[in-house]
Amino acid sequence: MQEHHYFVDIEASVDELWELFWARIPHTETGEVTIDILHPGDAAGEGLVRHCTFRVPRYLLTGGKGQSWEWLTEVKPKESWKYNAVGRPLWSEAEGRTRLEDLGNGTTRVHFSESYHAFNPVLRALLEKRVHAFISKDNDRLIKESLTTGVRYLRAAKAKAKSTGKAKVDAGKGEATAPPDAASS
């Protein structure tokens, strides 16, 4: 079994990050990763089910694409949640946890941990460590990039909604969008 622990400090409040994480946009694409919400879960997000695609090493003969099916449990609003997943290639299981820590001054530390286990004992011995290191390296970079970009879009959408007199931004329905130039900043 492989384990990975990571944290990143994001210049955003816990409230902003919670809103970003739990927007439940049906389909999101951030470069190399796609996430499709298959079931939204309850009001807090408990039971949310998602399908993800992401980069894996090309030597796995899948065209460099991996997939996972994930469900969220132990959701504590504005604090933490857990996910369990099955994935491929290497047919595997994973358990991940995310926790938000308010550092003050509008900064939040996002803690992420994951354990990963390939089902097949031969593939586990030959490839599990290398594949998990590859996925984790990408995850660290992608988490930071997507949170930083997401917070920028969230703030731009709120500013636009405020300037146009719209009372509330409903990111969960994808109604608020960032100005066209926000992506290039």
N, C-alpha and C. Protein backbone atom coordinates (compact mmCIF):
# COMPACT_ATOMS: atom_id res chain seq x y z
N MET A 1 0.84 -1.17 0.00
CA MET A 1 0.00 0.00 0.00
C MET A 1 0.89 1.24 0.00
N GLN A 2 0.49 2.21 -0.80
CA GLN A 2 1.22 3.48 -0.90
C GLN A 2 0.45 4.56 -0.15
N GLU A 3 1.18 5.50 0.42
CA GLU A 3 0.54 6.63 1.09
C GLU A 3 1.20 7.91 0.63
N HIS A 4 0.39 8.96 0.59
CA HIS A 4 0.88 10.28 0.17
C HIS A 4 0.20 11.33 1.03
N HIS A 5 0.99 12.29 1.52
CA HIS A 5 0.46 13.39 2.32
C HIS A 5 0.97 14.69 1.71
N TYR A 6 0.10 15.69 1.66
CA TYR A 6 0.43 16.94 1.00
C TYR A 6 -0.39 18.05 1.62
N PHE A 7 0.15 19.25 1.65
CA PHE A 7 -0.67 20.41 2.00
C PHE A 7 -0.23 21.58 1.15
N VAL A 8 -1.16 22.51 0.97
CA VAL A 8 -0.88 23.72 0.21
C VAL A 8 -1.63 24.87 0.87
N ASP A 9 -0.98 26.02 0.93
CA ASP A 9 -1.62 27.22 1.46
C ASP A 9 -2.20 28.02 0.31
N ILE A 10 -3.48 28.35 0.43
CA ILE A 10 -4.21 29.08 -0.61
C ILE A 10 -4.69 30.40 -0.02
N GLU A 11 -4.49 31.47 -0.75
CA GLU A 11 -4.97 32.78 -0.31
C GLU A 11 -6.47 32.88 -0.56
N ALA A 12 -7.22 32.25 0.34
CA ALA A 12 -8.68 32.24 0.29
C ALA A 12 -9.18 31.81 1.66
N SER A 13 -10.38 32.24 1.98
CA SER A 13 -10.97 31.85 3.26
C SER A 13 -11.49 30.41 3.18
N VAL A 14 -11.72 29.82 4.35
CA VAL A 14 -12.33 28.49 4.40
C VAL A 14 -13.69 28.53 3.69
N ASP A 15 -14.46 29.61 3.92
CA ASP A 15 -15.78 29.73 3.27
C ASP A 15 -15.66 29.71 1.75
N GLU A 16 -14.69 30.45 1.21
CA GLU A 16 -14.51 30.47 -0.25
C GLU A 16 -14.13 29.08 -0.78
N LEU A 17 -13.20 28.41 -0.11
CA LEU A 17 -12.79 27.09 -0.58
C LEU A 17 -13.92 26.08 -0.45
N TRP A 18 -14.68 26.17 0.63
CA TRP A 18 -15.83 25.26 0.77
C TRP A 18 -16.82 25.48 -0.38
N GLU A 19 -17.09 26.74 -0.68
CA GLU A 19 -18.01 27.05 -1.78
C GLU A 19 -17.47 26.50 -3.11
N LEU A 20 -16.17 26.63 -3.30
CA LEU A 20 -15.54 26.14 -4.52
C LEU A 20 -15.61 24.61 -4.60
N PHE A 21 -15.24 23.93 -3.52
CA PHE A 21 -15.27 22.47 -3.51
C PHE A 21 -16.67 21.92 -3.69
N TRP A 22 -17.64 22.57 -3.11
CA TRP A 22 -18.98 22.01 -3.07
C TRP A 22 -19.93 22.66 -4.05
N ALA A 23 -19.42 23.31 -5.08
CA ALA A 23 -20.28 23.90 -6.11
C ALA A 23 -21.06 22.83 -6.85
N ARG A 24 -20.54 21.62 -6.94
CA ARG A 24 -21.18 20.48 -7.59
C ARG A 24 -21.53 20.77 -9.05
N ILE A 25 -20.60 21.36 -9.74
CA ILE A 25 -20.77 21.61 -11.17
C ILE A 25 -20.74 20.24 -11.85
N PRO A 26 -21.73 19.93 -12.69
CA PRO A 26 -21.86 18.58 -13.26
C PRO A 26 -20.63 18.09 -14.02
N HIS A 27 -19.93 18.98 -14.71
CA HIS A 27 -18.74 18.57 -15.48
C HIS A 27 -17.70 19.68 -15.38
N THR A 28 -16.50 19.30 -14.96
CA THR A 28 -15.41 20.27 -14.94
C THR A 28 -14.20 19.65 -15.62
N GLU A 29 -13.46 20.50 -16.29
CA GLU A 29 -12.25 20.10 -16.99
C GLU A 29 -11.17 21.10 -16.66
N THR A 30 -10.07 20.61 -16.13
CA THR A 30 -8.94 21.49 -15.84
C THR A 30 -7.71 20.87 -16.48
N GLY A 31 -7.57 21.11 -17.76
CA GLY A 31 -6.42 20.59 -18.49
C GLY A 31 -6.43 19.08 -18.58
N GLU A 32 -5.64 18.44 -17.72
CA GLU A 32 -5.45 16.99 -17.79
C GLU A 32 -6.46 16.20 -16.97
N VAL A 33 -7.35 16.87 -16.25
CA VAL A 33 -8.28 16.19 -15.35
C VAL A 33 -9.72 16.58 -15.70
N THR A 34 -10.60 15.59 -15.73
CA THR A 34 -12.03 15.87 -15.84
C THR A 34 -12.73 15.23 -14.65
N ILE A 35 -13.78 15.90 -14.19
CA ILE A 35 -14.59 15.38 -13.09
C ILE A 35 -16.04 15.52 -13.49
N ASP A 36 -16.76 14.40 -13.47
CA ASP A 36 -18.19 14.39 -13.75
C ASP A 36 -18.91 13.94 -12.49
N ILE A 37 -19.87 14.74 -12.04
CA ILE A 37 -20.67 14.40 -10.87
C ILE A 37 -21.77 13.45 -11.34
N LEU A 38 -21.77 12.23 -10.82
CA LEU A 38 -22.78 11.24 -11.19
C LEU A 38 -23.97 11.29 -10.24
N HIS A 39 -23.73 11.69 -9.00
CA HIS A 39 -24.79 11.85 -8.00
C HIS A 39 -24.34 12.93 -7.03
N PRO A 40 -25.20 13.95 -6.76
CA PRO A 40 -24.76 15.09 -5.96
C PRO A 40 -24.68 14.84 -4.46
N GLY A 41 -25.20 13.73 -3.97
CA GLY A 41 -25.22 13.50 -2.53
C GLY A 41 -26.27 14.35 -1.86
N ASP A 42 -26.22 14.39 -0.52
CA ASP A 42 -27.21 15.18 0.21
C ASP A 42 -26.82 16.65 0.25
N ALA A 43 -27.51 17.44 1.03
CA ALA A 43 -27.28 18.89 1.07
C ALA A 43 -25.84 19.24 1.47
N ALA A 44 -25.23 18.43 2.32
CA ALA A 44 -23.85 18.70 2.76
C ALA A 44 -22.81 18.09 1.81
N GLY A 45 -23.25 17.23 0.89
CA GLY A 45 -22.32 16.57 -0.02
C GLY A 45 -22.05 15.12 0.33
N GLU A 46 -22.60 14.66 1.44
CA GLU A 46 -22.44 13.26 1.84
C GLU A 46 -23.05 12.37 0.77
N GLY A 47 -22.28 11.39 0.29
CA GLY A 47 -22.79 10.48 -0.72
C GLY A 47 -22.55 10.93 -2.15
N LEU A 48 -21.89 12.08 -2.34
CA LEU A 48 -21.58 12.54 -3.70
C LEU A 48 -20.76 11.46 -4.42
N VAL A 49 -21.08 11.20 -5.68
CA VAL A 49 -20.35 10.22 -6.49
C VAL A 49 -19.83 10.94 -7.72
N ARG A 50 -18.54 10.74 -8.03
CA ARG A 50 -17.95 11.40 -9.19
C ARG A 50 -17.08 10.41 -9.97
N HIS A 51 -16.95 10.70 -11.26
CA HIS A 51 -16.07 9.94 -12.16
C HIS A 51 -14.98 10.89 -12.60
N CYS A 52 -13.74 10.47 -12.44
CA CYS A 52 -12.60 11.33 -12.77
C CYS A 52 -11.72 10.65 -13.81
N THR A 53 -11.14 11.47 -14.69
CA THR A 53 -10.09 10.99 -15.59
C THR A 53 -8.86 11.85 -15.32
N PHE A 54 -7.68 11.24 -15.47
CA PHE A 54 -6.43 11.91 -15.11
C PHE A 54 -5.28 11.23 -15.83
N ARG A 55 -4.11 11.87 -15.80
CA ARG A 55 -2.93 11.33 -16.46
C ARG A 55 -2.34 10.17 -15.66
N VAL A 56 -1.90 9.15 -16.39
CA VAL A 56 -1.12 8.05 -15.83
C VAL A 56 0.04 7.80 -16.79
N PRO A 57 1.06 7.07 -16.35
CA PRO A 57 2.19 6.80 -17.25
C PRO A 57 1.76 6.07 -18.52
N ARG A 58 2.35 6.45 -19.64
CA ARG A 58 2.00 5.85 -20.93
C ARG A 58 2.35 4.37 -21.01
N TYR A 59 3.33 3.92 -20.25
CA TYR A 59 3.71 2.50 -20.31
C TYR A 59 2.58 1.58 -19.81
N LEU A 60 1.51 2.13 -19.26
CA LEU A 60 0.37 1.31 -18.82
C LEU A 60 -0.56 0.96 -19.99
N LEU A 61 -0.23 1.50 -21.17
CA LEU A 61 -0.94 1.16 -22.41
C LEU A 61 -2.43 1.56 -22.39
N THR A 62 -2.73 2.69 -21.77
CA THR A 62 -4.10 3.20 -21.76
C THR A 62 -4.17 4.57 -22.44
N GLY A 63 -3.17 4.88 -23.22
CA GLY A 63 -3.13 6.19 -23.86
C GLY A 63 -2.82 7.30 -22.88
N GLY A 64 -2.27 6.94 -21.73
CA GLY A 64 -1.91 7.94 -20.73
C GLY A 64 -3.08 8.43 -19.88
N LYS A 65 -4.22 7.74 -19.95
CA LYS A 65 -5.41 8.14 -19.19
C LYS A 65 -5.78 7.09 -18.15
N GLY A 66 -6.05 7.56 -16.95
CA GLY A 66 -6.58 6.72 -15.88
C GLY A 66 -7.97 7.20 -15.53
N GLN A 67 -8.70 6.37 -14.80
CA GLN A 67 -10.05 6.72 -14.37
C GLN A 67 -10.27 6.28 -12.94
N SER A 68 -11.13 7.00 -12.24
CA SER A 68 -11.55 6.55 -10.92
C SER A 68 -13.02 6.89 -10.73
N TRP A 69 -13.66 6.10 -9.90
CA TRP A 69 -15.04 6.32 -9.49
C TRP A 69 -14.98 6.51 -7.99
N GLU A 70 -15.41 7.68 -7.52
CA GLU A 70 -15.19 8.08 -6.14
C GLU A 70 -16.51 8.45 -5.46
N TRP A 71 -16.62 8.12 -4.17
CA TRP A 71 -17.78 8.53 -3.40
C TRP A 71 -17.29 9.16 -2.11
N LEU A 72 -18.02 10.22 -1.69
CA LEU A 72 -17.60 11.01 -0.54
C LEU A 72 -18.44 10.67 0.69
N THR A 73 -17.74 10.57 1.82
CA THR A 73 -18.38 10.28 3.10
C THR A 73 -17.70 11.12 4.18
N GLU A 74 -18.23 11.02 5.38
CA GLU A 74 -17.68 11.73 6.53
C GLU A 74 -17.50 13.23 6.26
N VAL A 75 -18.48 13.81 5.58
CA VAL A 75 -18.42 15.23 5.23
C VAL A 75 -18.74 16.07 6.46
N LYS A 76 -17.83 16.94 6.82
CA LYS A 76 -18.03 17.91 7.90
C LYS A 76 -17.92 19.29 7.26
N PRO A 77 -19.08 19.94 7.04
CA PRO A 77 -19.07 21.22 6.31
C PRO A 77 -18.01 22.20 6.80
N LYS A 78 -17.31 22.77 5.84
CA LYS A 78 -16.26 23.77 6.04
C LYS A 78 -15.09 23.25 6.88
N GLU A 79 -14.97 21.91 6.94
CA GLU A 79 -13.89 21.33 7.72
C GLU A 79 -13.16 20.20 6.98
N SER A 80 -13.88 19.13 6.61
CA SER A 80 -13.18 17.97 6.04
C SER A 80 -14.15 17.02 5.35
N TRP A 81 -13.59 16.08 4.59
CA TRP A 81 -14.36 15.00 3.99
C TRP A 81 -13.40 13.87 3.61
N LYS A 82 -13.98 12.72 3.35
CA LYS A 82 -13.22 11.53 2.97
C LYS A 82 -13.78 11.02 1.66
N TYR A 83 -12.92 10.42 0.84
CA TYR A 83 -13.44 9.72 -0.34
C TYR A 83 -12.83 8.33 -0.41
N ASN A 84 -13.60 7.43 -0.97
CA ASN A 84 -13.13 6.10 -1.32
C ASN A 84 -13.27 5.98 -2.81
N ALA A 85 -12.37 5.23 -3.43
CA ALA A 85 -12.39 5.15 -4.89
C ALA A 85 -11.92 3.78 -5.36
N VAL A 86 -12.40 3.43 -6.54
CA VAL A 86 -11.82 2.33 -7.31
C VAL A 86 -11.32 2.97 -8.58
N GLY A 87 -10.20 2.48 -9.08
CA GLY A 87 -9.61 3.10 -10.26
C GLY A 87 -8.96 2.09 -11.18
N ARG A 88 -8.62 2.60 -12.35
CA ARG A 88 -7.88 1.82 -13.32
C ARG A 88 -7.04 2.75 -14.15
N PRO A 89 -5.96 2.38 -14.73
CA PRO A 89 -5.44 1.01 -14.76
C PRO A 89 -4.85 0.61 -13.41
N LEU A 90 -4.40 -0.58 -13.35
CA LEU A 90 -3.93 -1.29 -12.17
C LEU A 90 -5.08 -1.68 -11.26
N TRP A 91 -6.29 -1.58 -11.67
CA TRP A 91 -7.45 -1.85 -10.81
C TRP A 91 -7.01 -1.73 -9.37
N SER A 92 -7.45 -0.65 -8.76
CA SER A 92 -6.95 -0.29 -7.44
C SER A 92 -8.07 0.30 -6.58
N GLU A 93 -7.75 0.46 -5.32
CA GLU A 93 -8.63 1.18 -4.41
C GLU A 93 -7.81 2.27 -3.75
N ALA A 94 -8.49 3.35 -3.43
CA ALA A 94 -7.84 4.47 -2.77
C ALA A 94 -8.78 5.03 -1.71
N GLU A 95 -8.16 5.62 -0.71
CA GLU A 95 -8.92 6.37 0.29
C GLU A 95 -8.20 7.69 0.48
N GLY A 96 -8.95 8.77 0.36
CA GLY A 96 -8.35 10.09 0.50
C GLY A 96 -9.10 10.93 1.51
N ARG A 97 -8.40 11.84 2.11
CA ARG A 97 -9.00 12.77 3.06
C ARG A 97 -8.53 14.18 2.74
N THR A 98 -9.46 15.12 2.85
CA THR A 98 -9.14 16.53 2.66
C THR A 98 -9.62 17.26 3.91
N ARG A 99 -8.76 18.16 4.41
CA ARG A 99 -9.09 18.94 5.60
C ARG A 99 -8.69 20.39 5.36
N LEU A 100 -9.57 21.31 5.75
CA LEU A 100 -9.31 22.74 5.61
C LEU A 100 -8.90 23.31 6.97
N GLU A 101 -7.79 24.05 6.98
CA GLU A 101 -7.29 24.67 8.21
C GLU A 101 -7.18 26.17 8.00
N ASP A 102 -7.94 26.93 8.78
CA ASP A 102 -7.91 28.39 8.69
C ASP A 102 -6.61 28.90 9.33
N LEU A 103 -5.77 29.54 8.53
CA LEU A 103 -4.51 30.09 9.02
C LEU A 103 -4.64 31.56 9.40
N GLY A 104 -5.83 32.15 9.20
CA GLY A 104 -6.04 33.56 9.48
C GLY A 104 -5.61 34.40 8.29
N ASN A 105 -5.92 35.69 8.33
CA ASN A 105 -5.54 36.62 7.26
C ASN A 105 -6.00 36.18 5.89
N GLY A 106 -7.13 35.46 5.81
CA GLY A 106 -7.68 35.05 4.52
C GLY A 106 -6.91 33.95 3.83
N THR A 107 -6.14 33.16 4.59
CA THR A 107 -5.37 32.06 4.03
C THR A 107 -5.83 30.74 4.65
N THR A 108 -5.96 29.73 3.83
CA THR A 108 -6.38 28.41 4.29
C THR A 108 -5.36 27.37 3.84
N ARG A 109 -4.99 26.50 4.77
CA ARG A 109 -4.13 25.36 4.42
C ARG A 109 -5.05 24.19 4.08
N VAL A 110 -4.84 23.61 2.90
CA VAL A 110 -5.61 22.45 2.46
C VAL A 110 -4.71 21.23 2.64
N HIS A 111 -5.12 20.34 3.54
CA HIS A 111 -4.38 19.10 3.81
C HIS A 111 -5.02 17.99 2.97
N PHE A 112 -4.19 17.21 2.31
CA PHE A 112 -4.68 16.10 1.49
C PHE A 112 -3.84 14.87 1.81
N SER A 113 -4.49 13.76 2.02
CA SER A 113 -3.77 12.50 2.20
C SER A 113 -4.49 11.42 1.41
N GLU A 114 -3.72 10.44 0.97
CA GLU A 114 -4.31 9.35 0.18
C GLU A 114 -3.53 8.07 0.42
N SER A 115 -4.26 6.97 0.51
CA SER A 115 -3.63 5.65 0.48
C SER A 115 -4.11 4.98 -0.81
N TYR A 116 -3.24 4.15 -1.38
CA TYR A 116 -3.49 3.57 -2.70
C TYR A 116 -3.02 2.13 -2.68
N HIS A 117 -3.82 1.23 -3.24
CA HIS A 117 -3.52 -0.19 -3.18
C HIS A 117 -3.99 -0.86 -4.46
N ALA A 118 -3.08 -1.44 -5.23
CA ALA A 118 -3.44 -2.19 -6.43
C ALA A 118 -3.93 -3.58 -6.01
N PHE A 119 -5.00 -4.05 -6.66
CA PHE A 119 -5.57 -5.35 -6.30
C PHE A 119 -4.67 -6.52 -6.69
N ASN A 120 -4.12 -6.49 -7.89
CA ASN A 120 -3.33 -7.61 -8.40
C ASN A 120 -1.96 -7.63 -7.72
N PRO A 121 -1.58 -8.75 -7.07
CA PRO A 121 -0.31 -8.79 -6.34
C PRO A 121 0.93 -8.63 -7.24
N VAL A 122 0.85 -9.10 -8.48
CA VAL A 122 2.00 -8.96 -9.38
C VAL A 122 2.15 -7.50 -9.80
N LEU A 123 1.05 -6.88 -10.21
CA LEU A 123 1.10 -5.46 -10.58
C LEU A 123 1.43 -4.59 -9.37
N ARG A 124 0.95 -5.01 -8.20
CA ARG A 124 1.27 -4.27 -6.97
C ARG A 124 2.79 -4.25 -6.77
N ALA A 125 3.42 -5.40 -6.90
CA ALA A 125 4.87 -5.49 -6.68
C ALA A 125 5.66 -4.75 -7.76
N LEU A 126 5.22 -4.84 -9.01
CA LEU A 126 5.97 -4.26 -10.12
C LEU A 126 5.70 -2.77 -10.35
N LEU A 127 4.45 -2.33 -10.18
CA LEU A 127 4.08 -0.99 -10.65
C LEU A 127 3.43 -0.06 -9.64
N GLU A 128 2.87 -0.59 -8.55
CA GLU A 128 2.08 0.25 -7.65
C GLU A 128 2.82 1.50 -7.18
N LYS A 129 4.02 1.35 -6.70
CA LYS A 129 4.78 2.50 -6.16
C LYS A 129 5.04 3.55 -7.24
N ARG A 130 5.48 3.09 -8.42
CA ARG A 130 5.78 4.03 -9.51
C ARG A 130 4.53 4.77 -10.00
N VAL A 131 3.43 4.03 -10.16
CA VAL A 131 2.20 4.65 -10.66
C VAL A 131 1.66 5.63 -9.63
N HIS A 132 1.64 5.26 -8.37
CA HIS A 132 1.12 6.17 -7.34
C HIS A 132 2.00 7.42 -7.22
N ALA A 133 3.31 7.27 -7.33
CA ALA A 133 4.20 8.45 -7.28
C ALA A 133 3.90 9.39 -8.46
N PHE A 134 3.66 8.84 -9.64
CA PHE A 134 3.34 9.64 -10.82
C PHE A 134 2.02 10.40 -10.60
N ILE A 135 0.99 9.69 -10.14
CA ILE A 135 -0.32 10.32 -9.92
C ILE A 135 -0.22 11.37 -8.82
N SER A 136 0.48 11.08 -7.74
CA SER A 136 0.59 12.02 -6.61
C SER A 136 1.34 13.27 -7.00
N LYS A 137 2.39 13.12 -7.79
CA LYS A 137 3.15 14.30 -8.25
C LYS A 137 2.23 15.23 -9.02
N ASP A 138 1.46 14.69 -9.94
CA ASP A 138 0.50 15.49 -10.70
C ASP A 138 -0.56 16.08 -9.79
N ASN A 139 -1.07 15.28 -8.84
CA ASN A 139 -2.12 15.77 -7.94
C ASN A 139 -1.67 17.00 -7.17
N ASP A 140 -0.45 16.98 -6.64
CA ASP A 140 0.04 18.12 -5.86
C ASP A 140 0.00 19.40 -6.69
N ARG A 141 0.52 19.33 -7.90
CA ARG A 141 0.54 20.49 -8.80
C ARG A 141 -0.88 20.89 -9.20
N LEU A 142 -1.69 19.90 -9.57
CA LEU A 142 -3.04 20.18 -10.05
C LEU A 142 -3.95 20.74 -8.95
N ILE A 143 -3.79 20.25 -7.73
CA ILE A 143 -4.60 20.78 -6.62
C ILE A 143 -4.31 22.26 -6.44
N LYS A 144 -3.03 22.62 -6.38
CA LYS A 144 -2.67 24.03 -6.18
C LYS A 144 -3.17 24.89 -7.34
N GLU A 145 -2.91 24.45 -8.58
CA GLU A 145 -3.34 25.23 -9.75
C GLU A 145 -4.86 25.37 -9.81
N SER A 146 -5.58 24.29 -9.59
CA SER A 146 -7.03 24.36 -9.73
C SER A 146 -7.67 25.18 -8.61
N LEU A 147 -7.14 25.11 -7.40
CA LEU A 147 -7.69 25.92 -6.32
C LEU A 147 -7.41 27.41 -6.54
N THR A 148 -6.20 27.73 -6.94
CA THR A 148 -5.84 29.12 -7.19
C THR A 148 -6.70 29.70 -8.32
N THR A 149 -6.83 28.96 -9.41
CA THR A 149 -7.66 29.40 -10.53
C THR A 149 -9.13 29.45 -10.15
N GLY A 150 -9.61 28.44 -9.44
CA GLY A 150 -11.00 28.40 -9.04
C GLY A 150 -11.39 29.57 -8.14
N VAL A 151 -10.52 29.92 -7.20
CA VAL A 151 -10.79 31.06 -6.32
C VAL A 151 -10.84 32.35 -7.14
N ARG A 152 -9.93 32.49 -8.09
CA ARG A 152 -9.93 33.68 -8.94
C ARG A 152 -11.24 33.78 -9.73
N TYR A 153 -11.70 32.67 -10.31
CA TYR A 153 -12.97 32.66 -11.05
C TYR A 153 -14.15 32.93 -10.12
N LEU A 154 -14.14 32.33 -8.94
CA LEU A 154 -15.23 32.53 -7.99
C LEU A 154 -15.34 34.00 -7.60
N ARG A 155 -14.22 34.63 -7.31
CA ARG A 155 -14.22 36.04 -6.94
C ARG A 155 -14.66 36.92 -8.11
N ALA A 156 -14.21 36.59 -9.32
CA ALA A 156 -14.60 37.37 -10.50
C ALA A 156 -16.11 37.23 -10.75
N ALA A 157 -16.63 36.03 -10.58
CA ALA A 157 -18.07 35.81 -10.79
C ALA A 157 -18.88 36.56 -9.76
N LYS A 158 -18.42 36.56 -8.51
CA LYS A 158 -19.14 37.30 -7.46
C LYS A 158 -19.10 38.80 -7.72
N ALA A 159 -17.94 39.29 -8.15
CA ALA A 159 -17.82 40.73 -8.46
C ALA A 159 -18.73 41.10 -9.61
N LYS A 160 -18.78 40.25 -10.64
CA LYS A 160 -19.64 40.52 -11.79
C LYS A 160 -21.10 40.50 -11.37
N ALA A 161 -21.48 39.52 -10.55
CA ALA A 161 -22.87 39.43 -10.09
C ALA A 161 -23.23 40.65 -9.25
N LYS A 162 -22.31 41.09 -8.42
CA LYS A 162 -22.57 42.26 -7.58
C LYS A 162 -22.72 43.52 -8.44
N SER A 163 -21.87 43.66 -9.45
CA SER A 163 -21.92 44.86 -10.30
C SER A 163 -23.16 44.88 -11.19
N THR A 164 -23.71 43.73 -11.50
CA THR A 164 -24.91 43.68 -12.34
C THR A 164 -26.18 43.61 -11.51
N GLY A 165 -26.01 43.61 -10.17
CA GLY A 165 -27.17 43.63 -9.30
C GLY A 165 -27.76 42.26 -9.02
N LYS A 166 -27.12 41.21 -9.47
CA LYS A 166 -27.62 39.87 -9.19
C LYS A 166 -27.38 39.59 -7.70
N ALA A 167 -28.40 39.14 -7.01
CA ALA A 167 -28.33 38.98 -5.56
C ALA A 167 -27.38 37.87 -5.13
N LYS A 168 -27.32 36.77 -5.86
CA LYS A 168 -26.54 35.63 -5.41
C LYS A 168 -25.90 34.94 -6.61
N VAL A 169 -24.66 34.50 -6.43
CA VAL A 169 -23.97 33.71 -7.44
C VAL A 169 -24.26 32.26 -7.13
N ASP A 170 -24.79 31.52 -8.09
CA ASP A 170 -25.09 30.12 -7.89
C ASP A 170 -24.12 29.30 -8.73
N ALA A 171 -22.91 29.11 -8.19
CA ALA A 171 -21.88 28.35 -8.91
C ALA A 171 -22.29 26.90 -9.08
N GLY A 172 -23.13 26.39 -8.19
CA GLY A 172 -23.58 25.01 -8.28
C GLY A 172 -24.38 24.73 -9.52
N LYS A 173 -25.01 25.75 -10.07
CA LYS A 173 -25.76 25.56 -11.31
C LYS A 173 -24.99 26.09 -12.50
N GLY A 174 -23.77 26.55 -12.25
CA GLY A 174 -22.94 27.03 -13.35
C GLY A 174 -23.43 28.32 -13.95
N GLU A 175 -24.27 29.09 -13.21
CA GLU A 175 -24.86 30.30 -13.77
C GLU A 175 -23.90 31.48 -13.77
N ALA A 176 -22.98 31.51 -12.85
CA ALA A 176 -22.03 32.62 -12.79
C ALA A 176 -20.77 32.21 -13.52
N THR A 177 -20.29 33.08 -14.39
CA THR A 177 -19.07 32.77 -15.11
C THR A 177 -18.09 33.91 -14.94
N ALA A 178 -16.83 33.59 -15.09
CA ALA A 178 -15.79 34.60 -14.98
C ALA A 178 -15.75 35.41 -16.28
N PRO A 179 -15.32 36.65 -16.19
CA PRO A 179 -15.16 37.44 -17.41
C PRO A 179 -14.19 36.75 -18.36
N PRO A 180 -14.33 36.98 -19.68
CA PRO A 180 -13.47 36.29 -20.66
C PRO A 180 -11.99 36.51 -20.41
N ASP A 181 -11.59 37.65 -19.90
CA ASP A 181 -10.17 37.91 -19.71
C ASP A 181 -9.63 37.30 -18.42
N ALA A 182 -10.48 36.74 -17.54
CA ALA A 182 -10.00 36.19 -16.29
C ALA A 182 -9.09 34.99 -16.51
N ALA A 183 -9.34 34.20 -17.54
CA ALA A 183 -8.52 33.03 -17.78
C ALA A 183 -7.11 33.39 -18.21
N SER A 184 -6.93 34.55 -18.76
CA SER A 184 -5.60 34.92 -19.26
C SER A 184 -4.78 35.65 -18.21
N SER A 185 -5.37 35.95 -17.02
CA SER A 185 -4.59 36.68 -16.03
C SER A 185 -3.72 35.78 -15.20
